[in-house]
PDB file of all heavy atoms in Angstrom:
ATOM      1  N   ASP A   1      10.751  12.969  -6.122  1.00  0.00           N
ATOM      2  CA  ASP A   1       9.448  12.632  -5.472  1.00  0.00           C
ATOM      3  C   ASP A   1       8.811  13.956  -4.909  1.00  0.00           C
ATOM      4  O   ASP A   1       9.483  15.025  -4.695  1.00  0.00           O
ATOM      5  CB  ASP A   1       9.743  11.823  -4.116  1.00  0.00           C
ATOM      6  CG  ASP A   1       8.482  10.936  -3.923  1.00  0.00           C
ATOM      7  OD1 ASP A   1       7.472  10.966  -4.616  1.00  0.00           O
ATOM      8  OD2 ASP A   1       8.408  10.275  -2.864  1.00  0.00           O
ATOM      9  N   ALA A   2       7.511  13.998  -4.743  1.00  0.00           N
ATOM     10  CA  ALA A   2       6.793  15.029  -4.081  1.00  0.00           C
ATOM     11  C   ALA A   2       5.531  14.618  -3.636  1.00  0.00           C
ATOM     12  O   ALA A   2       4.893  13.552  -4.175  1.00  0.00           O
ATOM     13  CB  ALA A   2       6.635  16.306  -5.107  1.00  0.00           C
ATOM     14  N   HIS A   3       4.831  15.314  -2.757  1.00  0.00           N
ATOM     15  CA  HIS A   3       3.614  15.052  -2.153  1.00  0.00           C
ATOM     16  C   HIS A   3       2.779  16.344  -2.132  1.00  0.00           C
ATOM     17  O   HIS A   3       3.237  17.335  -1.572  1.00  0.00           O
ATOM     18  CB  HIS A   3       3.620  14.349  -0.868  1.00  0.00           C
ATOM     19  CG  HIS A   3       4.305  13.034  -1.038  1.00  0.00           C
ATOM     20  ND1 HIS A   3       5.680  12.820  -0.892  1.00  0.00           N
ATOM     21  CD2 HIS A   3       3.793  11.774  -1.291  1.00  0.00           C
ATOM     22  CE1 HIS A   3       6.027  11.594  -1.150  1.00  0.00           C
ATOM     23  NE2 HIS A   3       4.821  10.850  -1.407  1.00  0.00           N
ATOM     24  N   ILE A   4       1.581  16.326  -2.634  1.00  0.00           N
ATOM     25  CA  ILE A   4       0.767  17.485  -2.663  1.00  0.00           C
ATOM     26  C   ILE A   4      -0.388  17.161  -1.705  1.00  0.00           C
ATOM     27  O   ILE A   4      -1.136  16.205  -1.762  1.00  0.00           O
ATOM     28  CB  ILE A   4       0.141  17.668  -4.083  1.00  0.00           C
ATOM     29  CG1 ILE A   4       1.306  17.812  -5.120  1.00  0.00           C
ATOM     30  CG2 ILE A   4      -0.824  18.928  -4.114  1.00  0.00           C
ATOM     31  CD1 ILE A   4       0.779  17.819  -6.453  1.00  0.00           C
ATOM     32  N   PHE A   5      -0.505  18.119  -0.740  1.00  0.00           N
ATOM     33  CA  PHE A   5      -1.695  18.022   0.204  1.00  0.00           C
ATOM     34  C   PHE A   5      -2.672  19.100  -0.229  1.00  0.00           C
ATOM     35  O   PHE A   5      -2.489  20.313  -0.233  1.00  0.00           O
ATOM     36  CB  PHE A   5      -1.173  18.323   1.527  1.00  0.00           C
ATOM     37  CG  PHE A   5       0.041  17.368   2.069  1.00  0.00           C
ATOM     38  CD1 PHE A   5       1.229  17.633   1.731  1.00  0.00           C
ATOM     39  CD2 PHE A   5      -0.385  16.141   2.806  1.00  0.00           C
ATOM     40  CE1 PHE A   5       2.251  16.754   2.110  1.00  0.00           C
ATOM     41  CE2 PHE A   5       0.537  15.292   3.043  1.00  0.00           C
ATOM     42  CZ  PHE A   5       1.924  15.528   2.792  1.00  0.00           C
ATOM     43  N   CYS A   6      -3.884  18.660  -0.513  1.00  0.00           N
ATOM     44  CA  CYS A   6      -4.828  19.521  -1.047  1.00  0.00           C
ATOM     45  C   CYS A   6      -6.246  19.251  -0.527  1.00  0.00           C
ATOM     46  O   CYS A   6      -6.505  18.188   0.130  1.00  0.00           O
ATOM     47  CB  CYS A   6      -4.917  19.530  -2.551  1.00  0.00           C
ATOM     48  SG  CYS A   6      -5.437  17.988  -3.372  1.00  0.00           S
ATOM     49  N   SER A   7      -7.248  20.090  -0.805  1.00  0.00           N
ATOM     50  CA  SER A   7      -8.648  19.811  -0.555  1.00  0.00           C
ATOM     51  C   SER A   7      -9.266  19.146  -1.765  1.00  0.00           C
ATOM     52  O   SER A   7      -8.723  19.040  -2.799  1.00  0.00           O
ATOM     53  CB  SER A   7      -9.354  21.187  -0.358  1.00  0.00           C
ATOM     54  OG  SER A   7      -9.344  21.967  -1.587  1.00  0.00           O
ATOM     55  N   PRO A   8     -10.351  18.439  -1.440  1.00  0.00           N
ATOM     56  CA  PRO A   8     -10.947  17.509  -2.534  1.00  0.00           C
ATOM     57  C   PRO A   8     -11.300  18.248  -3.768  1.00  0.00           C
ATOM     58  O   PRO A   8     -11.116  17.738  -4.879  1.00  0.00           O
ATOM     59  CB  PRO A   8     -12.245  16.972  -1.791  1.00  0.00           C
ATOM     60  CG  PRO A   8     -11.913  16.945  -0.355  1.00  0.00           C
ATOM     61  CD  PRO A   8     -11.116  18.243  -0.146  1.00  0.00           C
ATOM     62  N   ASP A   9     -11.722  19.508  -3.640  1.00  0.00           N
ATOM     63  CA  ASP A   9     -12.071  20.346  -4.933  1.00  0.00           C
ATOM     64  C   ASP A   9     -10.845  20.771  -5.662  1.00  0.00           C
ATOM     65  O   ASP A   9     -10.954  21.386  -6.780  1.00  0.00           O
ATOM     66  CB  ASP A   9     -12.969  21.451  -4.571  1.00  0.00           C
ATOM     67  CG  ASP A   9     -12.289  22.512  -3.664  1.00  0.00           C
ATOM     68  OD1 ASP A   9     -11.211  22.163  -3.027  1.00  0.00           O
ATOM     69  OD2 ASP A   9     -12.776  23.612  -3.508  1.00  0.00           O
ATOM     70  N   GLN A  10      -9.608  20.572  -5.148  1.00  0.00           N
ATOM     71  CA  GLN A  10      -8.398  20.854  -5.881  1.00  0.00           C
ATOM     72  C   GLN A  10      -7.707  19.751  -6.601  1.00  0.00           C
ATOM     73  O   GLN A  10      -6.788  19.839  -7.337  1.00  0.00           O
ATOM     74  CB  GLN A  10      -7.410  21.401  -4.808  1.00  0.00           C
ATOM     75  CG  GLN A  10      -7.843  22.816  -4.243  1.00  0.00           C
ATOM     76  CD  GLN A  10      -6.877  23.266  -3.135  1.00  0.00           C
ATOM     77  OE1 GLN A  10      -6.338  22.439  -2.390  1.00  0.00           O
ATOM     78  NE2 GLN A  10      -6.770  24.610  -2.844  1.00  0.00           N
ATOM     79  N   ILE A  11      -8.336  18.522  -6.400  1.00  0.00           N
ATOM     80  CA  ILE A  11      -7.638  17.318  -6.940  1.00  0.00           C
ATOM     81  C   ILE A  11      -7.546  17.435  -8.472  1.00  0.00           C
ATOM     82  O   ILE A  11      -6.375  17.146  -8.989  1.00  0.00           O
ATOM     83  CB  ILE A  11      -8.433  16.018  -6.632  1.00  0.00           C
ATOM     84  CG1 ILE A  11      -8.399  15.800  -5.120  1.00  0.00           C
ATOM     85  CG2 ILE A  11      -8.042  14.837  -7.389  1.00  0.00           C
ATOM     86  CD1 ILE A  11      -9.390  14.707  -4.641  1.00  0.00           C
ATOM     87  N   ALA A  12      -8.549  17.771  -9.156  1.00  0.00           N
ATOM     88  CA  ALA A  12      -8.567  17.741 -10.618  1.00  0.00           C
ATOM     89  C   ALA A  12      -7.333  18.585 -11.185  1.00  0.00           C
ATOM     90  O   ALA A  12      -6.627  18.280 -12.097  1.00  0.00           O
ATOM     91  CB  ALA A  12      -9.828  18.056 -11.242  1.00  0.00           C
ATOM     92  N   ALA A  13      -7.335  19.795 -10.596  1.00  0.00           N
ATOM     93  CA  ALA A  13      -6.413  20.811 -11.142  1.00  0.00           C
ATOM     94  C   ALA A  13      -4.922  20.387 -10.826  1.00  0.00           C
ATOM     95  O   ALA A  13      -4.058  20.515 -11.602  1.00  0.00           O
ATOM     96  CB  ALA A  13      -6.570  22.138 -10.543  1.00  0.00           C
ATOM     97  N   GLU A  14      -4.743  19.787  -9.654  1.00  0.00           N
ATOM     98  CA  GLU A  14      -3.387  19.403  -9.229  1.00  0.00           C
ATOM     99  C   GLU A  14      -2.948  18.156 -10.036  1.00  0.00           C
ATOM    100  O   GLU A  14      -1.756  18.075 -10.438  1.00  0.00           O
ATOM    101  CB  GLU A  14      -3.324  18.998  -7.736  1.00  0.00           C
ATOM    102  CG  GLU A  14      -3.473  20.189  -6.771  1.00  0.00           C
ATOM    103  CD  GLU A  14      -2.451  21.327  -7.083  1.00  0.00           C
ATOM    104  OE1 GLU A  14      -1.239  20.929  -7.106  1.00  0.00           O
ATOM    105  OE2 GLU A  14      -2.791  22.426  -7.323  1.00  0.00           O
ATOM    106  N   VAL A  15      -3.782  17.146 -10.307  1.00  0.00           N
ATOM    107  CA  VAL A  15      -3.378  16.004 -11.075  1.00  0.00           C
ATOM    108  C   VAL A  15      -3.152  16.459 -12.510  1.00  0.00           C
ATOM    109  O   VAL A  15      -2.079  16.015 -13.109  1.00  0.00           O
ATOM    110  CB  VAL A  15      -4.478  14.952 -10.972  1.00  0.00           C
ATOM    111  CG1 VAL A  15      -4.262  13.820 -12.045  1.00  0.00           C
ATOM    112  CG2 VAL A  15      -4.621  14.385  -9.716  1.00  0.00           C
ATOM    113  N   GLY A  16      -4.004  17.336 -13.030  1.00  0.00           N
ATOM    114  CA  GLY A  16      -3.753  17.781 -14.400  1.00  0.00           C
ATOM    115  C   GLY A  16      -2.378  18.580 -14.515  1.00  0.00           C
ATOM    116  O   GLY A  16      -1.565  18.430 -15.520  1.00  0.00           O
ATOM    117  N   ALA A  17      -2.003  19.328 -13.484  1.00  0.00           N
ATOM    118  CA  ALA A  17      -0.860  20.047 -13.573  1.00  0.00           C
ATOM    119  C   ALA A  17       0.456  19.177 -13.468  1.00  0.00           C
ATOM    120  O   ALA A  17       1.427  19.430 -14.134  1.00  0.00           O
ATOM    121  CB  ALA A  17      -0.742  21.144 -12.387  1.00  0.00           C
ATOM    122  N   VAL A  18       0.300  18.097 -12.762  1.00  0.00           N
ATOM    123  CA  VAL A  18       1.416  17.149 -12.663  1.00  0.00           C
ATOM    124  C   VAL A  18       1.625  16.460 -13.969  1.00  0.00           C
ATOM    125  O   VAL A  18       2.724  16.312 -14.417  1.00  0.00           O
ATOM    126  CB  VAL A  18       1.153  16.037 -11.631  1.00  0.00           C
ATOM    127  CG1 VAL A  18       2.124  14.902 -11.695  1.00  0.00           C
ATOM    128  CG2 VAL A  18       1.190  16.705 -10.108  1.00  0.00           C
ATOM    129  N   LEU A  19       0.485  16.037 -14.643  1.00  0.00           N
ATOM    130  CA  LEU A  19       0.575  15.522 -15.944  1.00  0.00           C
ATOM    131  C   LEU A  19       1.322  16.362 -16.952  1.00  0.00           C
ATOM    132  O   LEU A  19       2.138  16.012 -17.848  1.00  0.00           O
ATOM    133  CB  LEU A  19      -0.770  15.058 -16.537  1.00  0.00           C
ATOM    134  CG  LEU A  19      -1.376  13.910 -15.809  1.00  0.00           C
ATOM    135  CD1 LEU A  19      -2.809  13.637 -16.346  1.00  0.00           C
ATOM    136  CD2 LEU A  19      -0.570  12.664 -15.805  1.00  0.00           C
ATOM    137  N   ASP A  20       0.944  17.695 -16.862  1.00  0.00           N
ATOM    138  CA  ASP A  20       1.583  18.736 -17.813  1.00  0.00           C
ATOM    139  C   ASP A  20       3.091  18.793 -17.519  1.00  0.00           C
ATOM    140  O   ASP A  20       3.913  18.914 -18.351  1.00  0.00           O
ATOM    141  CB  ASP A  20       0.932  20.039 -17.556  1.00  0.00           C
ATOM    142  CG  ASP A  20      -0.503  20.081 -18.115  1.00  0.00           C
ATOM    143  OD1 ASP A  20      -0.863  19.249 -18.916  1.00  0.00           O
ATOM    144  OD2 ASP A  20      -1.171  20.988 -17.726  1.00  0.00           O
ATOM    145  N   LEU A  21       3.543  18.732 -16.109  1.00  0.00           N
ATOM    146  CA  LEU A  21       4.898  18.783 -15.782  1.00  0.00           C
ATOM    147  C   LEU A  21       5.658  17.598 -16.359  1.00  0.00           C
ATOM    148  O   LEU A  21       6.714  17.648 -16.872  1.00  0.00           O
ATOM    149  CB  LEU A  21       5.065  18.883 -14.282  1.00  0.00           C
ATOM    150  CG  LEU A  21       5.031  20.203 -13.569  1.00  0.00           C
ATOM    151  CD1 LEU A  21       4.938  20.042 -12.038  1.00  0.00           C
ATOM    152  CD2 LEU A  21       6.142  21.108 -14.075  1.00  0.00           C
ATOM    153  N   ILE A  22       5.018  16.408 -16.304  1.00  0.00           N
ATOM    154  CA  ILE A  22       5.678  15.272 -16.866  1.00  0.00           C
ATOM    155  C   ILE A  22       5.910  15.364 -18.306  1.00  0.00           C
ATOM    156  O   ILE A  22       7.073  14.946 -18.716  1.00  0.00           O
ATOM    157  CB  ILE A  22       4.785  14.009 -16.521  1.00  0.00           C
ATOM    158  CG1 ILE A  22       4.787  13.630 -14.976  1.00  0.00           C
ATOM    159  CG2 ILE A  22       5.241  12.751 -17.247  1.00  0.00           C
ATOM    160  CD1 ILE A  22       3.760  12.670 -14.601  1.00  0.00           C
ATOM    161  N   ILE A  23       4.926  15.642 -19.082  1.00  0.00           N
ATOM    162  CA  ILE A  23       5.076  15.844 -20.541  1.00  0.00           C
ATOM    163  C   ILE A  23       6.144  16.796 -20.860  1.00  0.00           C
ATOM    164  O   ILE A  23       6.983  16.563 -21.821  1.00  0.00           O
ATOM    165  CB  ILE A  23       3.737  16.191 -21.166  1.00  0.00           C
ATOM    166  CG1 ILE A  23       2.699  15.097 -20.893  1.00  0.00           C
ATOM    167  CG2 ILE A  23       3.930  16.306 -22.728  1.00  0.00           C
ATOM    168  CD1 ILE A  23       3.158  13.736 -21.206  1.00  0.00           C
ATOM    169  N   ALA A  24       6.160  18.009 -20.227  1.00  0.00           N
ATOM    170  CA  ALA A  24       7.167  19.050 -20.497  1.00  0.00           C
ATOM    171  C   ALA A  24       8.609  18.425 -20.207  1.00  0.00           C
ATOM    172  O   ALA A  24       9.547  18.658 -20.868  1.00  0.00           O
ATOM    173  CB  ALA A  24       6.933  20.188 -19.682  1.00  0.00           C
TER     174      ALA A  24
END
């Protein structure tokens, strides 16, 4: 599990990075 605390303008990059981690 993990939780990312970010600003609204960081959401897209963070969600995309998580999807990349999952596929790898």
